[in-house]
Each structure stands twice: as C-alpha cells, then as structure tokens.
Amino acid sequence: YREWWPWLRVFDGHAFASGERWRCVVKPQLPYTLEFLIALDDVDEARSTHARLSGDIEGWAELTLGDDGQGSELRLRSDLSARSGPARWVGTLAPPLAARGHDWVLDNGIRQFRVAAFDA
C-alpha cells in the first residue's frame, strides 16, 4: 500500500473479516494528518462490507461490489465527519476545503489503485 498510496502513512490491518479493526493515518494535501480506526462490522467478501470509523473521522461507510454488465462495479456510500484535531477546524471554518481534501484522497486512491492493479 505504501507504493500505491503514499498519502496513507500508517495502515495496521490484518484481515478483511467481520470484527477486524484497522488503524489508519492519512496525510491529504492539506496541512493536517487524520488518525482513525475502521471497525469492520459486516463483511461478505464477494458482495459488501459495512464499517464504523472513529477518531479524527467518525461515521460509517459501506462498500458494495456488483456486476455492471461489462465487469465489476464498486460503490462507496458513507456518512463521515471530522470530529477532532485540525480536520474539525478546517471542516467548520472552510467546508469546501475539507470536502476537497476528502475528494482528493478518494479520487487519487481509486486512480492509484487502477494504475497499480492494471498497469503492473
């Protein structure tokens, strides 16, 4: 993951399974770092997962995998908010900047994954 996602500074996760807890540290293109825990509540490896996040980011996220007729489609739904540290201040004082940082991490994560997975 360090080669694919240099902005993901720490990832401590052992398995993709219900009950697992992953520790993450993310450094977006903003002047702060986010530390959070992802608790995998419900994992169906072939279809979906639901997780709760806590720490600098709190809320939930759900990934679903489906068939789009030509291949696979991965869909992310979430309800997340910054709860502590500089991310909360940025989210409160400059919501567009916080949204841009969030979108940057997701958009670049997907792009970098595609490059690593399909151009290798």
C-alpha atoms as a PDB file:
ATOM      1  CA  TYR A   1       0.000   0.000   0.000  1.00  0.00           C
ATOM      2  CA  ARG A   2       2.893   2.404   0.615  1.00  0.00           C
ATOM      3  CA  GLU A   3       3.810   2.371  -3.071  1.00  0.00           C
ATOM      4  CA  TRP A   4       0.188   2.648  -4.230  1.00  0.00           C
ATOM      5  CA  TRP A   5      -0.921   5.275  -1.715  1.00  0.00           C
ATOM      6  CA  PRO A   6       1.923   7.406  -0.310  1.00  0.00           C
ATOM      7  CA  TRP A   7      -0.645   9.605   1.490  1.00  0.00           C
ATOM      8  CA  LEU A   8      -1.664   6.553   3.600  1.00  0.00           C
ATOM      9  CA  ARG A   9       1.082   6.906   6.193  1.00  0.00           C
ATOM     10  CA  VAL A  10       0.019   4.069   8.517  1.00  0.00           C
ATOM     11  CA  PHE A  11      -2.178   1.048   7.907  1.00  0.00           C
ATOM     12  CA  ASP A  12      -2.411  -1.643  10.559  1.00  0.00           C
ATOM     13  CA  GLY A  13      -4.977  -4.212   9.491  1.00  0.00           C
ATOM     14  CA  HIS A  14      -4.618  -7.967   9.479  1.00  0.00           C
ATOM     15  CA  ALA A  15      -7.657  -9.410   7.732  1.00  0.00           C
ATOM     16  CA  PHE A  16     -10.703  -8.418   5.713  1.00  0.00           C
ATOM     17  CA  ALA A  17     -13.201 -10.029   8.084  1.00  0.00           C
ATOM     18  CA  SER A  18     -16.075  -9.099  10.373  1.00  0.00           C
ATOM     19  CA  GLY A  19     -14.831  -7.929  13.767  1.00  0.00           C
ATOM     20  CA  GLU A  20     -11.452  -6.705  12.486  1.00  0.00           C
ATOM     21  CA  ARG A  21     -10.185  -3.255  13.465  1.00  0.00           C
ATOM     22  CA  TRP A  22      -7.823  -1.352  11.190  1.00  0.00           C
ATOM     23  CA  ARG A  23      -5.730   1.625  12.345  1.00  0.00           C
ATOM     24  CA  CYS A  24      -5.051   4.288   9.693  1.00  0.00           C
ATOM     25  CA  VAL A  25      -3.148   7.541   9.410  1.00  0.00           C
ATOM     26  CA  VAL A  26      -3.833   9.629   6.284  1.00  0.00           C
ATOM     27  CA  LYS A  27      -1.989  12.769   5.133  1.00  0.00           C
ATOM     28  CA  PRO A  28      -4.098  14.525   2.476  1.00  0.00           C
ATOM     29  CA  GLN A  29      -2.861  17.576   0.544  1.00  0.00           C
ATOM     30  CA  LEU A  30      -3.908  19.763   3.468  1.00  0.00           C
ATOM     31  CA  PRO A  31      -1.937  20.961   6.490  1.00  0.00           C
ATOM     32  CA  TYR A  32      -3.007  18.168   8.842  1.00  0.00           C
ATOM     33  CA  THR A  33      -2.990  14.415   9.386  1.00  0.00           C
ATOM     34  CA  LEU A  34      -6.017  12.228  10.134  1.00  0.00           C
ATOM     35  CA  GLU A  35      -5.836   9.280  12.521  1.00  0.00           C
ATOM     36  CA  PHE A  36      -8.787   6.916  12.721  1.00  0.00           C
ATOM     37  CA  LEU A  37      -9.900   3.371  13.366  1.00  0.00           C
ATOM     38  CA  ILE A  38     -12.023   1.338  10.936  1.00  0.00           C
ATOM     39  CA  ALA A  39     -14.133  -1.345  12.617  1.00  0.00           C
ATOM     40  CA  LEU A  40     -15.384  -3.881  10.067  1.00  0.00           C
ATOM     41  CA  ASP A  41     -18.877  -4.782  11.256  1.00  0.00           C
ATOM     42  CA  ASP A  42     -20.183  -6.991   8.495  1.00  0.00           C
ATOM     43  CA  VAL A  43     -18.030  -8.453   5.711  1.00  0.00           C
ATOM     44  CA  ASP A  44     -19.250 -10.555   2.797  1.00  0.00           C
ATOM     45  CA  GLU A  45     -16.036 -10.774   0.747  1.00  0.00           C
ATOM     46  CA  ALA A  46     -17.852 -11.288  -2.548  1.00  0.00           C
ATOM     47  CA  ARG A  47     -20.524  -8.607  -2.072  1.00  0.00           C
ATOM     48  CA  SER A  48     -20.192  -5.938   0.586  1.00  0.00           C
ATOM     49  CA  THR A  49     -18.803  -4.632   3.815  1.00  0.00           C
ATOM     50  CA  HIS A  50     -20.059  -2.177   6.393  1.00  0.00           C
ATOM     51  CA  ALA A  51     -17.669  -0.355   8.713  1.00  0.00           C
ATOM     52  CA  ARG A  52     -17.713   2.210  11.502  1.00  0.00           C
ATOM     53  CA  LEU A  53     -14.987   4.841  11.728  1.00  0.00           C
ATOM     54  CA  SER A  54     -13.829   6.557  14.894  1.00  0.00           C
ATOM     55  CA  GLY A  55     -11.083   9.006  15.778  1.00  0.00           C
ATOM     56  CA  ASP A  56     -10.423  12.178  13.790  1.00  0.00           C
ATOM     57  CA  ILE A  57     -13.101  10.926  11.381  1.00  0.00           C
ATOM     58  CA  GLU A  58     -16.332   9.386  12.682  1.00  0.00           C
ATOM     59  CA  GLY A  59     -19.297   7.784  10.994  1.00  0.00           C
ATOM     60  CA  TRP A  60     -19.937   4.788   8.778  1.00  0.00           C
ATOM     61  CA  ALA A  61     -19.001   3.559   5.313  1.00  0.00           C
ATOM     62  CA  GLU A  62     -20.306   0.784   3.107  1.00  0.00           C
ATOM     63  CA  LEU A  63     -18.667  -0.801   0.068  1.00  0.00           C
ATOM     64  CA  THR A  64     -20.690  -2.937  -2.321  1.00  0.00           C
ATOM     65  CA  LEU A  65     -19.439  -4.947  -5.276  1.00  0.00           C
ATOM     66  CA  GLY A  66     -21.760  -5.713  -8.162  1.00  0.00           C
ATOM     67  CA  ASP A  67     -21.925  -6.614 -11.838  1.00  0.00           C
ATOM     68  CA  ASP A  68     -22.445  -3.673 -14.198  1.00  0.00           C
ATOM     69  CA  GLY A  69     -22.953  -5.847 -17.294  1.00  0.00           C
ATOM     70  CA  GLN A  70     -19.414  -5.344 -18.593  1.00  0.00           C
ATOM     71  CA  GLY A  71     -17.418  -6.099 -15.476  1.00  0.00           C
ATOM     72  CA  SER A  72     -17.431  -5.177 -11.831  1.00  0.00           C
ATOM     73  CA  GLU A  73     -18.703  -2.050 -10.144  1.00  0.00           C
ATOM     74  CA  LEU A  74     -17.528  -0.921  -6.728  1.00  0.00           C
ATOM     75  CA  ARG A  75     -19.756   1.538  -4.903  1.00  0.00           C
ATOM     76  CA  LEU A  76     -18.902   3.519  -1.766  1.00  0.00           C
ATOM     77  CA  ARG A  77     -21.556   5.124   0.436  1.00  0.00           C
ATOM     78  CA  SER A  78     -20.635   6.899   3.637  1.00  0.00           C
ATOM     79  CA  ASP A  79     -21.679   9.390   6.269  1.00  0.00           C
ATOM     80  CA  LEU A  80     -18.443  10.722   7.738  1.00  0.00           C
ATOM     81  CA  SER A  81     -17.444  13.862   9.561  1.00  0.00           C
ATOM     82  CA  ALA A  82     -14.297  15.273  11.117  1.00  0.00           C
ATOM     83  CA  ARG A  83     -14.576  15.094  14.884  1.00  0.00           C
ATOM     84  CA  SER A  84     -11.255  16.267  16.295  1.00  0.00           C
ATOM     85  CA  GLY A  85      -7.984  17.988  15.589  1.00  0.00           C
ATOM     86  CA  PRO A  86      -7.222  20.318  12.681  1.00  0.00           C
ATOM     87  CA  ALA A  87      -9.595  18.427  10.366  1.00  0.00           C
ATOM     88  CA  ARG A  88     -12.544  19.524  12.510  1.00  0.00           C
ATOM     89  CA  TRP A  89     -11.413  23.156  12.410  1.00  0.00           C
ATOM     90  CA  VAL A  90     -10.989  23.057   8.644  1.00  0.00           C
ATOM     91  CA  GLY A  91     -14.374  21.332   8.286  1.00  0.00           C
ATOM     92  CA  THR A  92     -16.021  24.001  10.423  1.00  0.00           C
ATOM     93  CA  LEU A  93     -14.237  27.085   9.082  1.00  0.00           C
ATOM     94  CA  ALA A  94     -13.749  26.058   5.436  1.00  0.00           C
ATOM     95  CA  PRO A  95     -16.137  23.231   4.465  1.00  0.00           C
ATOM     96  CA  PRO A  96     -15.254  23.433   0.740  1.00  0.00           C
ATOM     97  CA  LEU A  97     -11.566  22.934   1.579  1.00  0.00           C
ATOM     98  CA  ALA A  98     -12.369  19.914   3.780  1.00  0.00           C
ATOM     99  CA  ALA A  99     -14.583  18.435   1.056  1.00  0.00           C
ATOM    100  CA  ARG A 100     -11.833  18.953  -1.484  1.00  0.00           C
ATOM    101  CA  GLY A 101      -9.329  17.125   0.752  1.00  0.00           C
ATOM    102  CA  HIS A 102     -11.755  14.228   1.178  1.00  0.00           C
ATOM    103  CA  ASP A 103     -12.462  14.031  -2.546  1.00  0.00           C
ATOM    104  CA  TRP A 104      -8.723  14.222  -3.310  1.00  0.00           C
ATOM    105  CA  VAL A 105      -7.977  11.198  -1.130  1.00  0.00           C
ATOM    106  CA  LEU A 106     -10.803   9.130  -2.658  1.00  0.00           C
ATOM    107  CA  ASP A 107     -10.193  10.164  -6.278  1.00  0.00           C
ATOM    108  CA  ASN A 108      -6.450   9.646  -6.049  1.00  0.00           C
ATOM    109  CA  GLY A 109      -6.891   6.373  -4.172  1.00  0.00           C
ATOM    110  CA  ILE A 110      -9.031   4.976  -6.974  1.00  0.00           C
ATOM    111  CA  ARG A 111      -6.723   6.296  -9.710  1.00  0.00           C
ATOM    112  CA  GLN A 112      -3.604   4.970  -7.977  1.00  0.00           C
ATOM    113  CA  PHE A 113      -5.260   1.586  -7.403  1.00  0.00           C
ATOM    114  CA  ARG A 114      -6.167   1.308 -11.105  1.00  0.00           C
ATOM    115  CA  VAL A 115      -2.614   2.140 -12.164  1.00  0.00           C
ATOM    116  CA  ALA A 116      -1.102  -0.361  -9.712  1.00  0.00           C
ATOM    117  CA  ALA A 117      -3.618  -3.138 -10.396  1.00  0.00           C
ATOM    118  CA  PHE A 118      -3.946  -2.900 -14.167  1.00  0.00           C
ATOM    119  CA  ASP A 119      -0.630  -1.475 -15.343  1.00  0.00           C
ATOM    120  CA  ALA A 120       1.525  -3.870 -13.314  1.00  0.00           C
END
